[in-house]
Amino acid sequence: MTDQPKAAADIRPEPETVPPPPGWYDDESGNGKRWWNGKEWSDVRQSKPDRDQRDNKGSGLSIVGYFLAVFAPLIGFIIGLVLAARGERDGTWVIVLSLVFGFLYMAFIL
């Protein structure tokens, strides 16, 4: 078998791989994000926020929910449902507090 040169139509250039654009990407170590400058990874990293920091932020709606759970249990109950739907842990407590005060008000009024 002889080595024959390939015809020009048979030679195809290697496809170029285009690197992703610069930006923040998930770090392979799973510890947050890392900066890609478009050519290589830099040493700049963003760590994930601690779980405690995310959970303890609280919201103004939570405070209003607790207040209304005591003084207007029906409205507090509705706010508790909204908080629970958002995944905030205060939602459950606002609902429970609203039910307790709602039953207390009904017991003393009726």
N, C-alpha and C. Protein backbone atom coordinates (compact mmCIF):
# COMPACT_ATOMS: atom_id res chain seq x y z
N MET A 1 0.84 -1.18 0.00
CA MET A 1 0.00 0.00 0.00
C MET A 1 0.89 1.25 0.00
N THR A 2 0.60 2.15 -0.85
CA THR A 2 1.41 3.36 -0.97
C THR A 2 0.68 4.52 -0.31
N ASP A 3 1.48 5.42 0.21
CA ASP A 3 0.88 6.62 0.81
C ASP A 3 0.52 7.59 -0.31
N GLN A 4 -0.76 7.77 -0.48
CA GLN A 4 -1.21 8.69 -1.51
C GLN A 4 -1.68 9.97 -0.85
N PRO A 5 -1.34 11.09 -1.41
CA PRO A 5 -1.83 12.35 -0.83
C PRO A 5 -3.34 12.43 -0.97
N LYS A 6 -3.96 13.01 0.03
CA LYS A 6 -5.41 13.16 0.01
C LYS A 6 -5.78 14.31 -0.91
N ALA A 7 -6.90 14.13 -1.52
CA ALA A 7 -7.42 15.19 -2.38
C ALA A 7 -7.82 16.37 -1.51
N ALA A 8 -7.82 17.54 -2.08
CA ALA A 8 -8.16 18.76 -1.34
C ALA A 8 -9.56 18.68 -0.75
N ALA A 9 -10.47 17.99 -1.41
CA ALA A 9 -11.84 17.88 -0.92
C ALA A 9 -11.91 16.99 0.31
N ASP A 10 -10.94 16.08 0.48
CA ASP A 10 -10.95 15.17 1.62
C ASP A 10 -10.35 15.79 2.88
N ILE A 11 -9.61 16.87 2.74
CA ILE A 11 -8.97 17.50 3.89
C ILE A 11 -9.95 18.49 4.50
N ARG A 12 -10.28 18.24 5.75
CA ARG A 12 -11.21 19.14 6.47
C ARG A 12 -10.45 19.76 7.63
N PRO A 13 -10.61 21.03 7.82
CA PRO A 13 -9.92 21.66 8.95
C PRO A 13 -10.55 21.21 10.27
N GLU A 14 -9.72 21.16 11.28
CA GLU A 14 -10.21 20.82 12.62
C GLU A 14 -11.17 21.92 13.07
N PRO A 15 -12.32 21.54 13.64
CA PRO A 15 -13.24 22.59 14.12
C PRO A 15 -12.60 23.33 15.30
N GLU A 16 -12.75 24.63 15.30
CA GLU A 16 -12.21 25.43 16.38
C GLU A 16 -13.17 25.38 17.56
N THR A 17 -12.62 25.21 18.72
CA THR A 17 -13.47 25.27 19.91
C THR A 17 -13.39 26.69 20.45
N VAL A 18 -14.51 27.26 20.65
CA VAL A 18 -14.60 28.63 21.16
C VAL A 18 -14.78 28.54 22.67
N PRO A 19 -13.88 29.12 23.44
CA PRO A 19 -14.04 29.08 24.89
C PRO A 19 -15.24 29.90 25.33
N PRO A 20 -15.80 29.59 26.48
CA PRO A 20 -16.93 30.38 26.97
C PRO A 20 -16.50 31.82 27.26
N PRO A 21 -17.43 32.74 27.24
CA PRO A 21 -17.10 34.15 27.50
C PRO A 21 -16.67 34.35 28.95
N PRO A 22 -15.96 35.44 29.22
CA PRO A 22 -15.57 35.72 30.60
C PRO A 22 -16.80 35.83 31.50
N GLY A 23 -16.64 35.37 32.73
CA GLY A 23 -17.73 35.46 33.69
C GLY A 23 -17.51 34.54 34.87
N TRP A 24 -18.49 34.54 35.78
CA TRP A 24 -18.45 33.69 36.96
C TRP A 24 -19.06 32.34 36.62
N TYR A 25 -18.35 31.28 36.94
CA TYR A 25 -18.81 29.91 36.69
C TYR A 25 -18.66 29.09 37.97
N ASP A 26 -19.46 28.03 38.09
CA ASP A 26 -19.39 27.16 39.26
C ASP A 26 -17.98 26.58 39.38
N ASP A 27 -17.45 26.66 40.59
CA ASP A 27 -16.12 26.10 40.85
C ASP A 27 -16.24 24.58 40.92
N GLU A 28 -15.28 23.88 40.32
CA GLU A 28 -15.31 22.42 40.30
C GLU A 28 -15.27 21.84 41.70
N SER A 29 -14.69 22.56 42.65
CA SER A 29 -14.61 22.06 44.02
C SER A 29 -15.96 22.14 44.72
N GLY A 30 -16.92 22.85 44.12
CA GLY A 30 -18.24 22.98 44.74
C GLY A 30 -18.31 24.04 45.81
N ASN A 31 -17.29 24.88 45.90
CA ASN A 31 -17.24 25.91 46.93
C ASN A 31 -17.57 27.29 46.41
N GLY A 32 -18.55 27.42 45.58
CA GLY A 32 -18.93 28.74 45.09
C GLY A 32 -18.65 28.90 43.61
N LYS A 33 -18.20 30.10 43.23
CA LYS A 33 -17.96 30.40 41.83
C LYS A 33 -16.52 30.88 41.64
N ARG A 34 -16.05 30.74 40.41
CA ARG A 34 -14.68 31.15 40.07
C ARG A 34 -14.72 31.97 38.79
N TRP A 35 -13.83 32.96 38.68
CA TRP A 35 -13.80 33.87 37.54
C TRP A 35 -13.03 33.25 36.38
N TRP A 36 -13.68 33.21 35.21
CA TRP A 36 -13.05 32.78 33.95
C TRP A 36 -12.84 34.03 33.14
N ASN A 37 -11.58 34.35 32.77
CA ASN A 37 -11.31 35.61 32.07
C ASN A 37 -11.41 35.47 30.55
N GLY A 38 -11.86 34.33 30.09
CA GLY A 38 -12.01 34.09 28.66
C GLY A 38 -10.90 33.24 28.09
N LYS A 39 -9.78 33.13 28.83
CA LYS A 39 -8.64 32.31 28.38
C LYS A 39 -8.23 31.29 29.43
N GLU A 40 -8.30 31.72 30.70
CA GLU A 40 -7.88 30.82 31.78
C GLU A 40 -8.61 31.17 33.07
N TRP A 41 -8.56 30.24 34.02
CA TRP A 41 -9.19 30.47 35.32
C TRP A 41 -8.31 31.38 36.15
N SER A 42 -8.92 32.34 36.81
CA SER A 42 -8.15 33.20 37.71
C SER A 42 -8.24 32.63 39.13
N ASP A 43 -7.51 33.24 40.03
CA ASP A 43 -7.56 32.82 41.42
C ASP A 43 -8.69 33.49 42.19
N VAL A 44 -9.44 34.34 41.52
CA VAL A 44 -10.53 35.06 42.16
C VAL A 44 -11.73 34.12 42.30
N ARG A 45 -12.24 34.03 43.51
CA ARG A 45 -13.37 33.13 43.79
C ARG A 45 -14.43 33.85 44.60
N GLN A 46 -15.67 33.39 44.46
CA GLN A 46 -16.78 33.84 45.31
C GLN A 46 -17.24 32.61 46.07
N SER A 47 -17.22 32.69 47.38
CA SER A 47 -17.66 31.54 48.15
C SER A 47 -19.18 31.57 48.30
N LYS A 48 -19.74 30.41 48.56
CA LYS A 48 -21.18 30.33 48.79
C LYS A 48 -21.48 30.97 50.14
N PRO A 49 -22.60 31.68 50.24
CA PRO A 49 -22.94 32.23 51.56
C PRO A 49 -23.27 31.09 52.51
N ASP A 50 -22.93 31.28 53.78
CA ASP A 50 -23.25 30.27 54.77
C ASP A 50 -24.75 30.09 54.86
N ARG A 51 -25.17 28.87 55.15
CA ARG A 51 -26.60 28.57 55.28
C ARG A 51 -27.23 29.43 56.36
N ASP A 52 -26.51 29.65 57.47
CA ASP A 52 -27.05 30.46 58.55
C ASP A 52 -27.29 31.89 58.10
N GLN A 53 -26.39 32.43 57.27
CA GLN A 53 -26.56 33.80 56.80
C GLN A 53 -27.81 33.92 55.93
N ARG A 54 -28.08 32.91 55.09
CA ARG A 54 -29.25 32.96 54.22
C ARG A 54 -30.54 32.82 55.02
N ASP A 55 -30.52 31.94 56.04
CA ASP A 55 -31.74 31.66 56.78
C ASP A 55 -32.10 32.76 57.77
N ASN A 56 -31.11 33.48 58.26
CA ASN A 56 -31.37 34.45 59.32
C ASN A 56 -31.63 35.86 58.81
N LYS A 57 -31.71 36.03 57.51
CA LYS A 57 -31.92 37.38 56.98
C LYS A 57 -33.25 37.95 57.45
N GLY A 58 -34.31 37.14 57.47
CA GLY A 58 -35.61 37.65 57.87
C GLY A 58 -36.12 38.64 56.85
N SER A 59 -37.36 38.97 56.96
CA SER A 59 -37.92 39.94 56.03
C SER A 59 -38.91 40.80 56.77
N GLY A 60 -39.19 41.94 56.19
CA GLY A 60 -40.19 42.82 56.78
C GLY A 60 -41.55 42.15 56.83
N LEU A 61 -41.83 41.31 55.84
CA LEU A 61 -43.11 40.61 55.81
C LEU A 61 -43.23 39.65 56.99
N SER A 62 -42.12 39.05 57.41
CA SER A 62 -42.14 38.16 58.58
C SER A 62 -42.52 38.94 59.83
N ILE A 63 -41.93 40.11 59.99
CA ILE A 63 -42.22 40.94 61.17
C ILE A 63 -43.68 41.36 61.18
N VAL A 64 -44.17 41.79 60.03
CA VAL A 64 -45.58 42.18 59.92
C VAL A 64 -46.47 40.96 60.20
N GLY A 65 -46.06 39.79 59.70
CA GLY A 65 -46.83 38.57 59.93
C GLY A 65 -46.96 38.24 61.40
N TYR A 66 -45.85 38.34 62.14
CA TYR A 66 -45.91 38.07 63.59
C TYR A 66 -46.81 39.07 64.30
N PHE A 67 -46.67 40.33 63.94
CA PHE A 67 -47.49 41.37 64.57
C PHE A 67 -48.98 41.11 64.32
N LEU A 68 -49.32 40.85 63.05
CA LEU A 68 -50.72 40.65 62.72
C LEU A 68 -51.25 39.30 63.22
N ALA A 69 -50.37 38.33 63.41
CA ALA A 69 -50.80 37.05 63.97
C ALA A 69 -51.38 37.25 65.37
N VAL A 70 -50.85 38.23 66.10
CA VAL A 70 -51.34 38.51 67.46
C VAL A 70 -52.55 39.44 67.43
N PHE A 71 -52.50 40.49 66.62
CA PHE A 71 -53.55 41.52 66.68
C PHE A 71 -54.64 41.37 65.62
N ALA A 72 -54.38 40.67 64.54
CA ALA A 72 -55.38 40.41 63.49
C ALA A 72 -55.08 39.01 62.92
N PRO A 73 -55.46 37.96 63.66
CA PRO A 73 -55.04 36.60 63.30
C PRO A 73 -55.40 36.16 61.89
N LEU A 74 -56.53 36.59 61.35
CA LEU A 74 -56.91 36.16 60.00
C LEU A 74 -55.92 36.69 58.97
N ILE A 75 -55.57 37.96 59.08
CA ILE A 75 -54.60 38.55 58.15
C ILE A 75 -53.22 37.94 58.39
N GLY A 76 -52.86 37.72 59.65
CA GLY A 76 -51.59 37.08 59.97
C GLY A 76 -51.51 35.68 59.38
N PHE A 77 -52.63 34.96 59.41
CA PHE A 77 -52.68 33.62 58.83
C PHE A 77 -52.39 33.66 57.33
N ILE A 78 -53.01 34.62 56.65
CA ILE A 78 -52.79 34.77 55.20
C ILE A 78 -51.33 35.11 54.91
N ILE A 79 -50.76 36.02 55.69
CA ILE A 79 -49.34 36.37 55.50
C ILE A 79 -48.46 35.15 55.78
N GLY A 80 -48.83 34.36 56.77
CA GLY A 80 -48.09 33.13 57.06
C GLY A 80 -48.11 32.17 55.88
N LEU A 81 -49.25 32.07 55.21
CA LEU A 81 -49.33 31.21 54.02
C LEU A 81 -48.41 31.72 52.91
N VAL A 82 -48.36 33.04 52.74
CA VAL A 82 -47.48 33.62 51.72
C VAL A 82 -46.02 33.33 52.07
N LEU A 83 -45.66 33.51 53.33
CA LEU A 83 -44.28 33.24 53.75
C LEU A 83 -43.92 31.77 53.56
N ALA A 84 -44.85 30.89 53.90
CA ALA A 84 -44.60 29.45 53.73
C ALA A 84 -44.44 29.09 52.26
N ALA A 85 -45.25 29.72 51.40
CA ALA A 85 -45.14 29.45 49.96
C ALA A 85 -43.79 29.92 49.41
N ARG A 86 -43.22 30.95 50.01
CA ARG A 86 -41.90 31.44 49.60
C ARG A 86 -40.77 30.57 50.14
N GLY A 87 -41.10 29.66 51.03
CA GLY A 87 -40.09 28.79 51.62
C GLY A 87 -39.42 29.38 52.84
N GLU A 88 -39.98 30.45 53.40
CA GLU A 88 -39.39 31.05 54.59
C GLU A 88 -39.89 30.29 55.82
N ARG A 89 -38.96 29.99 56.73
CA ARG A 89 -39.34 29.18 57.89
C ARG A 89 -40.26 29.94 58.84
N ASP A 90 -40.27 31.27 58.79
CA ASP A 90 -41.18 32.04 59.64
C ASP A 90 -42.64 31.80 59.28
N GLY A 91 -42.90 31.37 58.06
CA GLY A 91 -44.28 31.16 57.63
C GLY A 91 -45.04 30.20 58.52
N THR A 92 -44.42 29.09 58.87
CA THR A 92 -45.07 28.09 59.73
C THR A 92 -45.38 28.68 61.09
N TRP A 93 -44.41 29.42 61.65
CA TRP A 93 -44.64 30.00 62.98
C TRP A 93 -45.71 31.09 62.96
N VAL A 94 -45.77 31.85 61.92
CA VAL A 94 -46.82 32.88 61.82
C VAL A 94 -48.19 32.21 61.71
N ILE A 95 -48.28 31.12 60.96
CA ILE A 95 -49.55 30.39 60.85
C ILE A 95 -49.97 29.84 62.21
N VAL A 96 -49.05 29.20 62.92
CA VAL A 96 -49.37 28.62 64.23
C VAL A 96 -49.78 29.71 65.20
N LEU A 97 -49.04 30.79 65.24
CA LEU A 97 -49.37 31.89 66.14
C LEU A 97 -50.73 32.49 65.80
N SER A 98 -51.03 32.61 64.53
CA SER A 98 -52.34 33.13 64.11
C SER A 98 -53.46 32.21 64.57
N LEU A 99 -53.27 30.92 64.42
CA LEU A 99 -54.31 29.97 64.85
C LEU A 99 -54.51 30.02 66.36
N VAL A 100 -53.42 30.07 67.11
CA VAL A 100 -53.53 30.12 68.58
C VAL A 100 -54.28 31.37 69.01
N PHE A 101 -53.88 32.53 68.53
CA PHE A 101 -54.54 33.77 68.93
C PHE A 101 -55.96 33.86 68.38
N GLY A 102 -56.18 33.30 67.20
CA GLY A 102 -57.54 33.27 66.66
C GLY A 102 -58.48 32.47 67.55
N PHE A 103 -58.02 31.30 68.00
CA PHE A 103 -58.84 30.50 68.91
C PHE A 103 -59.02 31.17 70.26
N LEU A 104 -57.97 31.82 70.76
CA LEU A 104 -58.10 32.55 72.04
C LEU A 104 -59.12 33.68 71.93
N TYR A 105 -59.05 34.44 70.84
CA TYR A 105 -60.02 35.53 70.66
C TYR A 105 -61.43 34.99 70.58
N MET A 106 -61.63 33.91 69.84
CA MET A 106 -62.97 33.34 69.72
C MET A 106 -63.45 32.80 71.08
N ALA A 107 -62.56 32.22 71.87
CA ALA A 107 -62.94 31.68 73.18
C ALA A 107 -63.38 32.78 74.12
N PHE A 108 -62.71 33.92 74.10
CA PHE A 108 -63.06 35.01 75.01
C PHE A 108 -64.21 35.85 74.50
N ILE A 109 -64.39 35.93 73.19
CA ILE A 109 -65.47 36.74 72.64
C ILE A 109 -66.79 35.97 72.68
N LEU A 110 -66.74 34.68 72.36
CA LEU A 110 -67.97 33.87 72.33
C LEU A 110 -68.23 33.35 73.67
